[in-house]
Each structure stands twice: as structure tokens, then as C-alpha cells.
Amino acid sequence: MASATLTLTVSTSTGWVNPTNALVSNNAYASYSSVTALGSNFYFRFNTNAAALLPANAVITGVRMDVEYRTNNAAPQPRFCAGPGDFGGTANPVVVTTTDTVYVFGGPGNTLGAVTRDDVATSSIQFGNNASGSAAHYIDNVVMYVDWELPKTGNTLFHGENF
């Protein structure tokens, strides 16, 4: 098994202020202020360099996304999940606090729904509230790790040939 830390670039960040601040842990945040109705979501999307790092036939065996995040208002119960693809993956959403915290999604053996290199070519964070209200969302850093291996091949037996 091999591992790689993917380089992220901001893809879609409509409504976010200073979106590239989400790429470095330095307490300079990408921010988004929202008045979010219960059940509505918004996204922060990234492109990755998976095509440059992983073989085309790589089989994904684990994905981990670390998101350093905080909110200014815990009352509307802000929540988010992160993972590969355009919609935040299959991770269970976490309810967040006003403290700057690194939230971890996935890990070794948990693919967050990814199977191939193309599945980790993009990643995203999906945000929402569990109650109506306004909150500002702050991302200080996002890091994505991928574990992968090459497909297993079986032994081939040749009959009647000398090697």
C-alpha cells in the first residue's frame, strides 16, 4: 500500500471571502457568512493533484480529510462533512463549536466512497445548519490524504511451456 498527501487548489468557493486561506494553517481564514434555513446546504470545493501522484489504475483503500474549522455562533448548530467528490463525501456530518478545531473525516480503510483515482480528483466540504439561524464559517486549513494500491493480479499458469 502507498500513501500520498494531495495538493488542493480552490475550485468553487462562491460566497467565500479569501478562499485560498483554507489551504494553509496560519489563522488567516477563508470565511462565509450565512443565514441558512434548516436543511439547506452550501459547499466549498477543491481540485486535487491525484492524477499527477497516483497511477491511473490505483485502487483507493483509504481517504482522510483534516479540516481546521470554527464558527462564530453555535446556536444554529452548524455542521459539515468533508470527502472526495462534489458533495462532501459519505462521512457523517459533525456539529461544530466556536473553538478552532481540526475535524478528521475518514482514515485508513475508510474510502469515504472513493474507489478510483478519478474519485479523488476533486473534494468538497458540505455545510449546513441543524436549526435556522445565521453563523459565520471559518476554514483555516484542509489537508487530504489518500492510501492506495495497485490492482491485485492472479498467477497465470501456462501448460506445456518451458521457462
Foldseek 3Di string as FASTA:
>chain_A
DDKDWWQKDWDDDPQWDPLCLQAAQDPPWTKHKDQAAAPDKDKTKIFTPLPVPDDQQKFWQWKKKKWFKAKPDCVQQKWKAKAFDDARAQFDIDGHHRDGDIDMTIDGRGRSPDTGSVRRRMMMMMMHGNHGGMMMMITRYMIMMIDIDHDDDDDDDDPPDDD
